[in-house]
Amino acid sequence: MTGPTRTVEVLGYQVLVGPGLLSSLGATCARVAPAHRYAIISDEAVARHWLGPARDAILSAIG
């Protein structure tokens, strides 16, 4: 699913909000913060559902 994306400022950070963004997480990270390592910080409830897909999206972009 895709649709409109919003950018929200939270404590000095830009947070993207919109449907389908997880699939492009790796490409977004590579574009806005090129690095060979990233850290994903989450609580247990969110990680249970989204850590794997987030990790996979980032790994696919950085190889």
N, C-alpha and C. Protein backbone atom coordinates (compact mmCIF):
# COMPACT_ATOMS: atom_id res chain seq x y z
N MET A 1 0.84 -1.16 0.00
CA MET A 1 0.00 0.00 0.00
C MET A 1 0.89 1.24 0.00
N THR A 2 0.55 2.19 -0.83
CA THR A 2 1.27 3.46 -0.84
C THR A 2 0.25 4.58 -0.76
N GLY A 3 0.70 5.72 -0.45
CA GLY A 3 -0.18 6.87 -0.33
C GLY A 3 0.64 8.08 0.05
N PRO A 4 -0.04 9.13 0.45
CA PRO A 4 0.70 10.35 0.80
C PRO A 4 1.59 10.14 2.01
N THR A 5 2.75 10.77 1.97
CA THR A 5 3.71 10.70 3.06
C THR A 5 3.83 12.08 3.68
N ARG A 6 3.88 12.10 5.01
CA ARG A 6 4.07 13.36 5.73
C ARG A 6 5.40 13.30 6.45
N THR A 7 6.03 14.45 6.59
CA THR A 7 7.23 14.57 7.40
C THR A 7 6.88 15.39 8.63
N VAL A 8 7.17 14.82 9.81
CA VAL A 8 6.85 15.47 11.07
C VAL A 8 8.16 15.70 11.82
N GLU A 9 8.34 16.88 12.37
CA GLU A 9 9.52 17.18 13.18
C GLU A 9 9.26 16.74 14.62
N VAL A 10 10.14 15.90 15.16
CA VAL A 10 10.02 15.43 16.54
C VAL A 10 11.39 15.58 17.20
N LEU A 11 11.48 16.48 18.15
CA LEU A 11 12.72 16.70 18.91
C LEU A 11 13.94 16.88 18.00
N GLY A 12 13.76 17.63 16.92
CA GLY A 12 14.86 17.90 16.02
C GLY A 12 15.10 16.85 14.94
N TYR A 13 14.29 15.81 14.93
CA TYR A 13 14.42 14.75 13.93
C TYR A 13 13.25 14.81 12.96
N GLN A 14 13.49 14.45 11.72
CA GLN A 14 12.41 14.33 10.76
C GLN A 14 11.90 12.90 10.80
N VAL A 15 10.60 12.75 11.00
CA VAL A 15 9.96 11.44 11.04
C VAL A 15 9.01 11.35 9.86
N LEU A 16 9.19 10.33 9.02
CA LEU A 16 8.31 10.12 7.88
C LEU A 16 7.14 9.25 8.32
N VAL A 17 5.94 9.66 7.94
CA VAL A 17 4.73 8.93 8.31
C VAL A 17 3.93 8.68 7.04
N GLY A 18 3.61 7.41 6.78
CA GLY A 18 2.81 7.10 5.61
C GLY A 18 2.75 5.61 5.37
N PRO A 19 1.78 5.17 4.59
CA PRO A 19 1.64 3.74 4.31
C PRO A 19 2.75 3.24 3.38
N GLY A 20 3.23 2.04 3.64
CA GLY A 20 4.20 1.40 2.76
C GLY A 20 5.63 1.86 2.90
N LEU A 21 5.94 2.69 3.88
CA LEU A 21 7.30 3.23 4.00
C LEU A 21 8.31 2.19 4.47
N LEU A 22 7.88 1.19 5.18
CA LEU A 22 8.82 0.19 5.69
C LEU A 22 9.58 -0.49 4.56
N SER A 23 8.92 -0.72 3.44
CA SER A 23 9.59 -1.40 2.33
C SER A 23 10.73 -0.57 1.74
N SER A 24 10.69 0.75 1.92
CA SER A 24 11.76 1.60 1.40
C SER A 24 12.67 2.13 2.50
N LEU A 25 12.59 1.55 3.70
CA LEU A 25 13.40 2.02 4.83
C LEU A 25 14.89 1.98 4.52
N GLY A 26 15.36 0.90 3.96
CA GLY A 26 16.79 0.78 3.66
C GLY A 26 17.26 1.84 2.68
N ALA A 27 16.50 2.06 1.63
CA ALA A 27 16.87 3.08 0.64
C ALA A 27 16.83 4.47 1.26
N THR A 28 15.86 4.71 2.13
CA THR A 28 15.77 6.01 2.80
C THR A 28 16.97 6.23 3.71
N CYS A 29 17.33 5.22 4.49
CA CYS A 29 18.50 5.33 5.37
C CYS A 29 19.75 5.61 4.55
N ALA A 30 19.93 4.88 3.46
CA ALA A 30 21.12 5.06 2.63
C ALA A 30 21.17 6.45 2.02
N ARG A 31 20.00 7.01 1.70
CA ARG A 31 19.95 8.33 1.08
C ARG A 31 20.21 9.45 2.10
N VAL A 32 19.57 9.38 3.27
CA VAL A 32 19.66 10.50 4.22
C VAL A 32 20.79 10.35 5.23
N ALA A 33 21.28 9.13 5.43
CA ALA A 33 22.35 8.91 6.42
C ALA A 33 23.21 7.74 5.99
N PRO A 34 23.99 7.90 4.91
CA PRO A 34 24.80 6.79 4.41
C PRO A 34 25.75 6.27 5.49
N ALA A 35 25.73 4.98 5.70
CA ALA A 35 26.59 4.35 6.71
C ALA A 35 26.70 2.86 6.41
N HIS A 36 27.65 2.20 7.04
CA HIS A 36 27.74 0.75 6.88
C HIS A 36 27.09 0.03 8.05
N ARG A 37 26.64 0.79 9.07
CA ARG A 37 25.93 0.21 10.22
C ARG A 37 24.81 1.14 10.65
N TYR A 38 23.74 0.54 11.11
CA TYR A 38 22.60 1.29 11.64
C TYR A 38 22.15 0.61 12.92
N ALA A 39 21.51 1.35 13.79
CA ALA A 39 20.92 0.78 15.01
C ALA A 39 19.42 1.00 14.96
N ILE A 40 18.69 -0.02 15.33
CA ILE A 40 17.24 0.08 15.43
C ILE A 40 16.89 0.04 16.90
N ILE A 41 16.22 1.07 17.38
CA ILE A 41 15.85 1.15 18.79
C ILE A 41 14.34 1.06 18.88
N SER A 42 13.86 0.14 19.70
CA SER A 42 12.43 -0.11 19.80
C SER A 42 12.09 -0.68 21.16
N ASP A 43 10.81 -0.67 21.48
CA ASP A 43 10.38 -1.41 22.67
C ASP A 43 9.99 -2.82 22.23
N GLU A 44 9.74 -3.69 23.19
CA GLU A 44 9.47 -5.09 22.87
C GLU A 44 8.20 -5.28 22.05
N ALA A 45 7.16 -4.52 22.36
CA ALA A 45 5.89 -4.69 21.65
C ALA A 45 6.03 -4.35 20.17
N VAL A 46 6.70 -3.27 19.86
CA VAL A 46 6.89 -2.87 18.47
C VAL A 46 7.87 -3.81 17.78
N ALA A 47 8.95 -4.15 18.47
CA ALA A 47 9.97 -5.04 17.89
C ALA A 47 9.39 -6.39 17.52
N ARG A 48 8.47 -6.88 18.31
CA ARG A 48 7.87 -8.19 18.04
C ARG A 48 7.26 -8.23 16.64
N HIS A 49 6.73 -7.11 16.18
CA HIS A 49 6.06 -7.08 14.88
C HIS A 49 6.93 -6.49 13.76
N TRP A 50 7.80 -5.55 14.09
CA TRP A 50 8.43 -4.77 13.04
C TRP A 50 9.95 -4.83 12.99
N LEU A 51 10.61 -5.41 13.98
CA LEU A 51 12.07 -5.46 13.96
C LEU A 51 12.59 -6.26 12.77
N GLY A 52 12.04 -7.42 12.53
CA GLY A 52 12.50 -8.25 11.41
C GLY A 52 12.36 -7.56 10.07
N PRO A 53 11.16 -7.05 9.74
CA PRO A 53 11.02 -6.34 8.47
C PRO A 53 11.90 -5.10 8.35
N ALA A 54 12.06 -4.36 9.44
CA ALA A 54 12.93 -3.17 9.40
C ALA A 54 14.38 -3.58 9.16
N ARG A 55 14.84 -4.59 9.89
CA ARG A 55 16.21 -5.08 9.72
C ARG A 55 16.43 -5.57 8.29
N ASP A 56 15.49 -6.34 7.77
CA ASP A 56 15.62 -6.87 6.41
C ASP A 56 15.68 -5.75 5.37
N ALA A 57 14.86 -4.71 5.55
CA ALA A 57 14.85 -3.60 4.60
C ALA A 57 16.19 -2.87 4.61
N ILE A 58 16.75 -2.67 5.79
CA ILE A 58 18.05 -1.99 5.88
C ILE A 58 19.15 -2.86 5.30
N LEU A 59 19.17 -4.13 5.66
CA LEU A 59 20.22 -5.02 5.16
C LEU A 59 20.18 -5.15 3.64
N SER A 60 18.98 -5.13 3.06
CA SER A 60 18.89 -5.24 1.61
C SER A 60 19.47 -4.02 0.92
N ALA A 61 19.44 -2.88 1.58
CA ALA A 61 19.97 -1.65 0.98
C ALA A 61 21.48 -1.52 1.15
N ILE A 62 22.01 -2.03 2.26
CA ILE A 62 23.44 -1.85 2.50
C ILE A 62 24.26 -3.08 2.13
N GLY A 63 23.56 -4.14 1.76
CA GLY A 63 24.24 -5.35 1.32
C GLY A 63 24.80 -6.10 2.44
